[in-house]
Amino acid sequence: MWKWLIIGLTAGLFPLAAVAQDAPSGRYQLQHSEAGFVRLDTVTGEMTYCNEAGGDLTCRPSANERAAYQEEIDDLSRRVLALEQAQKSGATSQEGLPSDEELDRTLSFMEKFFRRFKALTDEFRADDEADAAPKT
């Protein structure tokens, strides 16, 4: 009985082992271990432990990955809380916005640009009309 169970499990896991061996050039590599599989991230070197159950490969994050996820969640929670408090207090940040003087100066440059541009287009239009006028 045990013999057939071991043969069945081995045959069921063979495709997973083949996938692990066929994809060495990818970011992740699967290696068979006593407890299941180990997924190696070839970029970061992180290892994740995986188990095969019912034809599905389930990987659980390592302690380092869980700590990194929790740190990111905590950071985002602090940022959301700070934004909510700023919104409730009615505080608006003027940081990064131009002052009234800078805005006036910018609009003055734009006005000067458009006036000169319009003068050029008027000049070109007048030249085209002069060229198109019948010569007598």
N, C-alpha and C. Protein backbone atom coordinates (compact mmCIF):
# COMPACT_ATOMS: atom_id res chain seq x y z
N MET A 1 0.83 -1.20 0.00
CA MET A 1 0.00 0.00 0.00
C MET A 1 0.86 1.25 0.00
N TRP A 2 1.85 1.31 0.90
CA TRP A 2 2.72 2.48 0.99
C TRP A 2 3.52 2.68 -0.29
N LYS A 3 3.85 1.56 -0.88
CA LYS A 3 4.62 1.62 -2.12
C LYS A 3 3.85 2.37 -3.20
N TRP A 4 2.54 2.07 -3.33
CA TRP A 4 1.73 2.71 -4.35
C TRP A 4 1.48 4.18 -4.01
N LEU A 5 1.37 4.49 -2.73
CA LEU A 5 1.18 5.87 -2.30
C LEU A 5 2.42 6.71 -2.64
N ILE A 6 3.58 6.17 -2.38
CA ILE A 6 4.83 6.88 -2.68
C ILE A 6 4.98 7.05 -4.19
N ILE A 7 4.67 6.02 -4.95
CA ILE A 7 4.75 6.11 -6.41
C ILE A 7 3.76 7.16 -6.92
N GLY A 8 2.55 7.17 -6.36
CA GLY A 8 1.54 8.14 -6.78
C GLY A 8 1.96 9.58 -6.46
N LEU A 9 2.50 9.78 -5.26
CA LEU A 9 2.96 11.12 -4.89
C LEU A 9 4.13 11.56 -5.75
N THR A 10 5.03 10.65 -6.00
CA THR A 10 6.18 10.96 -6.84
C THR A 10 5.73 11.33 -8.25
N ALA A 11 4.80 10.56 -8.78
CA ALA A 11 4.29 10.85 -10.13
C ALA A 11 3.54 12.18 -10.14
N GLY A 12 2.83 12.49 -9.07
CA GLY A 12 2.09 13.76 -8.99
C GLY A 12 3.00 14.96 -8.86
N LEU A 13 4.14 14.77 -8.20
CA LEU A 13 5.08 15.87 -8.00
C LEU A 13 6.07 16.01 -9.14
N PHE A 14 6.17 14.99 -10.00
CA PHE A 14 7.14 15.03 -11.08
C PHE A 14 6.95 16.26 -11.99
N PRO A 15 5.71 16.62 -12.39
CA PRO A 15 5.56 17.81 -13.23
C PRO A 15 6.05 19.08 -12.53
N LEU A 16 5.83 19.17 -11.21
CA LEU A 16 6.31 20.35 -10.49
C LEU A 16 7.83 20.40 -10.46
N ALA A 17 8.45 19.27 -10.29
CA ALA A 17 9.92 19.22 -10.29
C ALA A 17 10.45 19.56 -11.68
N ALA A 18 9.76 19.12 -12.72
CA ALA A 18 10.18 19.43 -14.08
C ALA A 18 10.10 20.93 -14.33
N VAL A 19 9.04 21.56 -13.84
CA VAL A 19 8.90 23.01 -14.00
C VAL A 19 10.04 23.71 -13.28
N ALA A 20 10.39 23.24 -12.09
CA ALA A 20 11.47 23.85 -11.33
C ALA A 20 12.79 23.73 -12.08
N GLN A 21 13.01 22.61 -12.75
CA GLN A 21 14.26 22.42 -13.47
C GLN A 21 14.26 23.11 -14.82
N ASP A 22 13.08 23.31 -15.44
CA ASP A 22 13.01 23.91 -16.76
C ASP A 22 13.15 25.43 -16.73
N ALA A 23 13.00 26.08 -15.58
CA ALA A 23 12.98 27.53 -15.54
C ALA A 23 14.11 28.14 -14.73
N PRO A 24 15.37 27.72 -14.95
CA PRO A 24 16.45 28.29 -14.17
C PRO A 24 16.76 29.73 -14.55
N SER A 25 16.36 30.16 -15.75
CA SER A 25 16.68 31.51 -16.21
C SER A 25 15.69 32.54 -15.68
N GLY A 26 14.58 32.11 -15.07
CA GLY A 26 13.60 33.05 -14.54
C GLY A 26 14.04 33.62 -13.21
N ARG A 27 13.24 34.51 -12.69
CA ARG A 27 13.57 35.14 -11.42
C ARG A 27 13.46 34.13 -10.28
N TYR A 28 12.48 33.23 -10.34
CA TYR A 28 12.25 32.29 -9.24
C TYR A 28 12.66 30.88 -9.66
N GLN A 29 13.24 30.16 -8.72
CA GLN A 29 13.59 28.77 -8.94
C GLN A 29 13.00 27.93 -7.83
N LEU A 30 12.41 26.80 -8.19
CA LEU A 30 11.86 25.87 -7.21
C LEU A 30 12.85 24.74 -6.98
N GLN A 31 13.09 24.43 -5.73
CA GLN A 31 13.96 23.32 -5.36
C GLN A 31 13.19 22.40 -4.43
N HIS A 32 13.28 21.11 -4.68
CA HIS A 32 12.60 20.13 -3.83
C HIS A 32 13.34 20.02 -2.50
N SER A 33 12.56 19.98 -1.41
CA SER A 33 13.14 19.79 -0.08
C SER A 33 12.35 18.71 0.64
N GLU A 34 12.79 18.34 1.85
CA GLU A 34 12.10 17.30 2.61
C GLU A 34 10.67 17.71 2.95
N ALA A 35 10.46 18.99 3.21
CA ALA A 35 9.14 19.46 3.64
C ALA A 35 8.27 19.92 2.48
N GLY A 36 8.75 19.86 1.27
CA GLY A 36 7.97 20.33 0.12
C GLY A 36 8.89 20.94 -0.91
N PHE A 37 8.75 22.25 -1.11
CA PHE A 37 9.58 22.96 -2.07
C PHE A 37 10.07 24.25 -1.44
N VAL A 38 11.17 24.74 -1.96
CA VAL A 38 11.69 26.05 -1.58
C VAL A 38 11.75 26.87 -2.85
N ARG A 39 11.11 28.05 -2.82
CA ARG A 39 11.16 28.95 -3.97
C ARG A 39 12.24 30.00 -3.68
N LEU A 40 13.23 30.07 -4.56
CA LEU A 40 14.33 31.00 -4.40
C LEU A 40 14.14 32.17 -5.36
N ASP A 41 14.15 33.38 -4.83
CA ASP A 41 14.13 34.58 -5.64
C ASP A 41 15.59 34.86 -6.02
N THR A 42 15.92 34.67 -7.29
CA THR A 42 17.31 34.80 -7.71
C THR A 42 17.79 36.24 -7.73
N VAL A 43 16.87 37.19 -7.63
CA VAL A 43 17.26 38.61 -7.60
C VAL A 43 17.59 39.05 -6.19
N THR A 44 16.71 38.75 -5.23
CA THR A 44 16.91 39.21 -3.86
C THR A 44 17.54 38.16 -2.96
N GLY A 45 17.48 36.89 -3.36
CA GLY A 45 18.01 35.82 -2.53
C GLY A 45 17.04 35.33 -1.47
N GLU A 46 15.83 35.86 -1.44
CA GLU A 46 14.83 35.45 -0.45
C GLU A 46 14.32 34.05 -0.78
N MET A 47 14.05 33.29 0.28
CA MET A 47 13.52 31.94 0.11
C MET A 47 12.13 31.87 0.71
N THR A 48 11.24 31.20 0.00
CA THR A 48 9.87 31.00 0.45
C THR A 48 9.59 29.51 0.43
N TYR A 49 8.96 29.02 1.50
CA TYR A 49 8.67 27.60 1.60
C TYR A 49 7.30 27.32 1.02
N CYS A 50 7.22 26.26 0.19
CA CYS A 50 6.00 25.92 -0.52
C CYS A 50 5.62 24.47 -0.26
N ASN A 51 4.32 24.21 -0.26
CA ASN A 51 3.79 22.86 -0.11
C ASN A 51 2.85 22.57 -1.26
N GLU A 52 2.80 21.31 -1.66
CA GLU A 52 1.90 20.88 -2.71
C GLU A 52 0.75 20.13 -2.05
N ALA A 53 -0.47 20.58 -2.34
CA ALA A 53 -1.64 19.91 -1.80
C ALA A 53 -2.75 19.96 -2.84
N GLY A 54 -3.25 18.80 -3.22
CA GLY A 54 -4.35 18.74 -4.16
C GLY A 54 -4.01 19.31 -5.53
N GLY A 55 -2.77 19.22 -5.93
CA GLY A 55 -2.36 19.73 -7.23
C GLY A 55 -2.02 21.21 -7.24
N ASP A 56 -2.20 21.87 -6.10
CA ASP A 56 -1.87 23.29 -6.00
C ASP A 56 -0.60 23.48 -5.20
N LEU A 57 0.23 24.38 -5.65
CA LEU A 57 1.45 24.72 -4.93
C LEU A 57 1.17 25.99 -4.14
N THR A 58 1.26 25.88 -2.81
CA THR A 58 0.98 27.01 -1.92
C THR A 58 2.28 27.44 -1.25
N CYS A 59 2.62 28.72 -1.41
CA CYS A 59 3.84 29.25 -0.82
C CYS A 59 3.48 30.23 0.28
N ARG A 60 4.16 30.09 1.41
CA ARG A 60 3.92 31.04 2.50
C ARG A 60 5.15 31.94 2.59
N PRO A 61 4.93 33.21 2.83
CA PRO A 61 6.07 34.13 2.89
C PRO A 61 6.97 33.84 4.08
N SER A 62 8.24 34.15 3.92
CA SER A 62 9.19 33.96 5.01
C SER A 62 8.98 35.04 6.05
N ALA A 63 9.64 34.91 7.18
CA ALA A 63 9.51 35.90 8.26
C ALA A 63 9.98 37.27 7.78
N ASN A 64 11.04 37.31 6.97
CA ASN A 64 11.53 38.59 6.45
C ASN A 64 10.51 39.26 5.55
N GLU A 65 9.85 38.47 4.68
CA GLU A 65 8.84 39.03 3.79
C GLU A 65 7.65 39.54 4.59
N ARG A 66 7.21 38.76 5.58
CA ARG A 66 6.08 39.21 6.41
C ARG A 66 6.43 40.49 7.14
N ALA A 67 7.65 40.59 7.66
CA ALA A 67 8.08 41.80 8.37
C ALA A 67 8.11 42.99 7.41
N ALA A 68 8.58 42.77 6.18
CA ALA A 68 8.62 43.86 5.20
C ALA A 68 7.21 44.31 4.83
N TYR A 69 6.29 43.35 4.64
CA TYR A 69 4.90 43.70 4.34
C TYR A 69 4.27 44.46 5.51
N GLN A 70 4.51 44.00 6.72
CA GLN A 70 3.94 44.66 7.89
C GLN A 70 4.50 46.08 8.03
N GLU A 71 5.78 46.25 7.78
CA GLU A 71 6.39 47.58 7.84
C GLU A 71 5.76 48.52 6.82
N GLU A 72 5.53 48.01 5.61
CA GLU A 72 4.89 48.83 4.56
C GLU A 72 3.45 49.17 4.95
N ILE A 73 2.74 48.22 5.51
CA ILE A 73 1.36 48.47 5.95
C ILE A 73 1.34 49.52 7.06
N ASP A 74 2.25 49.40 8.02
CA ASP A 74 2.33 50.38 9.11
C ASP A 74 2.65 51.77 8.58
N ASP A 75 3.59 51.86 7.63
CA ASP A 75 3.94 53.15 7.05
C ASP A 75 2.75 53.77 6.34
N LEU A 76 2.05 52.98 5.55
CA LEU A 76 0.88 53.48 4.83
C LEU A 76 -0.23 53.89 5.80
N SER A 77 -0.40 53.13 6.88
CA SER A 77 -1.41 53.48 7.88
C SER A 77 -1.09 54.82 8.53
N ARG A 78 0.18 55.05 8.85
CA ARG A 78 0.58 56.35 9.42
C ARG A 78 0.31 57.49 8.46
N ARG A 79 0.62 57.27 7.18
CA ARG A 79 0.41 58.32 6.18
C ARG A 79 -1.08 58.62 6.01
N VAL A 80 -1.91 57.58 5.97
CA VAL A 80 -3.36 57.78 5.83
C VAL A 80 -3.89 58.53 7.04
N LEU A 81 -3.45 58.15 8.23
CA LEU A 81 -3.89 58.82 9.44
C LEU A 81 -3.51 60.30 9.43
N ALA A 82 -2.28 60.60 9.01
CA ALA A 82 -1.84 62.00 8.93
C ALA A 82 -2.67 62.79 7.92
N LEU A 83 -2.99 62.18 6.78
CA LEU A 83 -3.82 62.86 5.79
C LEU A 83 -5.24 63.10 6.30
N GLU A 84 -5.79 62.10 6.99
CA GLU A 84 -7.14 62.25 7.54
C GLU A 84 -7.18 63.35 8.59
N GLN A 85 -6.15 63.41 9.44
CA GLN A 85 -6.11 64.46 10.46
C GLN A 85 -5.96 65.84 9.83
N ALA A 86 -5.15 65.95 8.80
CA ALA A 86 -4.98 67.24 8.12
C ALA A 86 -6.27 67.66 7.45
N GLN A 87 -7.00 66.70 6.90
CA GLN A 87 -8.27 67.01 6.25
C GLN A 87 -9.31 67.46 7.27
N LYS A 88 -9.36 66.79 8.41
CA LYS A 88 -10.32 67.16 9.46
C LYS A 88 -10.03 68.54 10.03
N SER A 89 -8.75 68.88 10.16
CA SER A 89 -8.40 70.17 10.75
C SER A 89 -8.55 71.30 9.74
N GLY A 90 -8.77 70.97 8.48
CA GLY A 90 -8.93 72.00 7.47
C GLY A 90 -7.61 72.59 7.01
N ALA A 91 -6.53 72.01 7.45
CA ALA A 91 -5.22 72.51 7.04
C ALA A 91 -4.95 72.11 5.61
N THR A 92 -4.59 73.08 4.81
CA THR A 92 -4.22 72.82 3.43
C THR A 92 -2.78 73.24 3.26
N SER A 93 -2.07 72.47 2.55
CA SER A 93 -0.65 72.74 2.35
C SER A 93 -0.45 73.64 1.15
N GLN A 94 0.25 74.75 1.36
CA GLN A 94 0.59 75.65 0.27
C GLN A 94 1.98 75.32 -0.28
N GLU A 95 2.60 74.34 0.32
CA GLU A 95 3.95 73.96 -0.09
C GLU A 95 3.94 73.49 -1.54
N GLY A 96 4.86 74.01 -2.32
CA GLY A 96 4.96 73.61 -3.71
C GLY A 96 4.15 74.47 -4.65
N LEU A 97 3.25 75.29 -4.14
CA LEU A 97 2.46 76.17 -4.99
C LEU A 97 3.18 77.50 -5.17
N PRO A 98 3.06 78.11 -6.36
CA PRO A 98 3.74 79.38 -6.56
C PRO A 98 3.06 80.50 -5.76
N SER A 99 3.86 81.50 -5.41
CA SER A 99 3.30 82.66 -4.72
C SER A 99 2.55 83.52 -5.74
N ASP A 100 1.80 84.51 -5.24
CA ASP A 100 1.06 85.40 -6.13
C ASP A 100 2.01 86.16 -7.05
N GLU A 101 3.16 86.56 -6.53
CA GLU A 101 4.14 87.28 -7.33
C GLU A 101 4.68 86.41 -8.47
N GLU A 102 4.98 85.14 -8.14
CA GLU A 102 5.47 84.22 -9.17
C GLU A 102 4.42 83.96 -10.23
N LEU A 103 3.18 83.84 -9.81
CA LEU A 103 2.08 83.62 -10.74
C LEU A 103 1.91 84.83 -11.65
N ASP A 104 1.93 86.04 -11.10
CA ASP A 104 1.82 87.26 -11.90
C ASP A 104 2.96 87.35 -12.91
N ARG A 105 4.16 87.05 -12.48
CA ARG A 105 5.33 87.11 -13.37
C ARG A 105 5.18 86.11 -14.52
N THR A 106 4.75 84.91 -14.19
CA THR A 106 4.56 83.89 -15.22
C THR A 106 3.49 84.29 -16.22
N LEU A 107 2.38 84.83 -15.72
CA LEU A 107 1.30 85.26 -16.62
C LEU A 107 1.76 86.42 -17.50
N SER A 108 2.61 87.30 -16.97
CA SER A 108 3.15 88.40 -17.76
C SER A 108 4.00 87.86 -18.91
N PHE A 109 4.84 86.86 -18.63
CA PHE A 109 5.64 86.24 -19.70
C PHE A 109 4.73 85.61 -20.76
N MET A 110 3.70 84.93 -20.32
CA MET A 110 2.78 84.28 -21.25
C MET A 110 2.06 85.31 -22.10
N GLU A 111 1.61 86.39 -21.48
CA GLU A 111 0.91 87.44 -22.22
C GLU A 111 1.82 88.04 -23.29
N LYS A 112 3.08 88.33 -22.91
CA LYS A 112 4.05 88.89 -23.86
C LYS A 112 4.28 87.91 -25.02
N PHE A 113 4.41 86.62 -24.71
CA PHE A 113 4.62 85.60 -25.74
C PHE A 113 3.45 85.58 -26.72
N PHE A 114 2.22 85.53 -26.19
CA PHE A 114 1.06 85.44 -27.08
C PHE A 114 0.86 86.71 -27.91
N ARG A 115 1.17 87.87 -27.35
CA ARG A 115 1.05 89.11 -28.13
C ARG A 115 2.06 89.10 -29.28
N ARG A 116 3.28 88.68 -29.02
CA ARG A 116 4.28 88.61 -30.09
C ARG A 116 3.91 87.56 -31.13
N PHE A 117 3.40 86.43 -30.65
CA PHE A 117 2.99 85.37 -31.57
C PHE A 117 1.86 85.84 -32.47
N LYS A 118 0.88 86.55 -31.89
CA LYS A 118 -0.24 87.08 -32.69
C LYS A 118 0.28 88.09 -33.71
N ALA A 119 1.24 88.94 -33.31
CA ALA A 119 1.80 89.92 -34.25
C ALA A 119 2.48 89.21 -35.42
N LEU A 120 3.19 88.13 -35.14
CA LEU A 120 3.83 87.36 -36.21
C LEU A 120 2.81 86.74 -37.15
N THR A 121 1.75 86.16 -36.59
CA THR A 121 0.73 85.55 -37.45
C THR A 121 0.03 86.61 -38.29
N ASP A 122 -0.22 87.79 -37.70
CA ASP A 122 -0.83 88.87 -38.47
C ASP A 122 0.09 89.30 -39.61
N GLU A 123 1.39 89.37 -39.32
CA GLU A 123 2.36 89.76 -40.34
C GLU A 123 2.39 88.72 -41.48
N PHE A 124 2.39 87.44 -41.14
CA PHE A 124 2.38 86.40 -42.16
C PHE A 124 1.09 86.44 -42.99
N ARG A 125 -0.02 86.67 -42.32
CA ARG A 125 -1.31 86.75 -43.01
C ARG A 125 -1.29 87.93 -44.00
N ALA A 126 -0.75 89.07 -43.59
CA ALA A 126 -0.69 90.25 -44.46
C ALA A 126 0.21 89.96 -45.67
N ASP A 127 1.34 89.27 -45.44
CA ASP A 127 2.21 88.91 -46.56
C ASP A 127 1.52 87.98 -47.52
N ASP A 128 0.77 87.00 -47.02
CA ASP A 128 0.04 86.06 -47.89
C ASP A 128 -1.03 86.78 -48.69
N GLU A 129 -1.73 87.73 -48.04
CA GLU A 129 -2.76 88.48 -48.77
C GLU A 129 -2.15 89.35 -49.85
N ALA A 130 -0.96 89.92 -49.53
CA ALA A 130 -0.29 90.76 -50.54
C ALA A 130 0.18 89.92 -51.72
N ASP A 131 0.65 88.72 -51.46
CA ASP A 131 1.08 87.82 -52.53
C ASP A 131 -0.10 87.33 -53.34
N ALA A 132 -1.26 87.17 -52.73
CA ALA A 132 -2.43 86.64 -53.40
C ALA A 132 -3.19 87.73 -54.16
N ALA A 133 -2.92 89.00 -53.88
CA ALA A 133 -3.63 90.10 -54.56
C ALA A 133 -3.23 90.12 -56.03
N PRO A 134 -4.21 90.40 -56.91
CA PRO A 134 -3.89 90.45 -58.35
C PRO A 134 -2.93 91.62 -58.65
N LYS A 135 -1.94 91.34 -59.46
CA LYS A 135 -0.96 92.36 -59.83
C LYS A 135 -1.41 93.06 -61.09
N THR A 136 -1.40 94.37 -61.05
CA THR A 136 -1.86 95.13 -62.22
C THR A 136 -0.78 95.90 -62.87
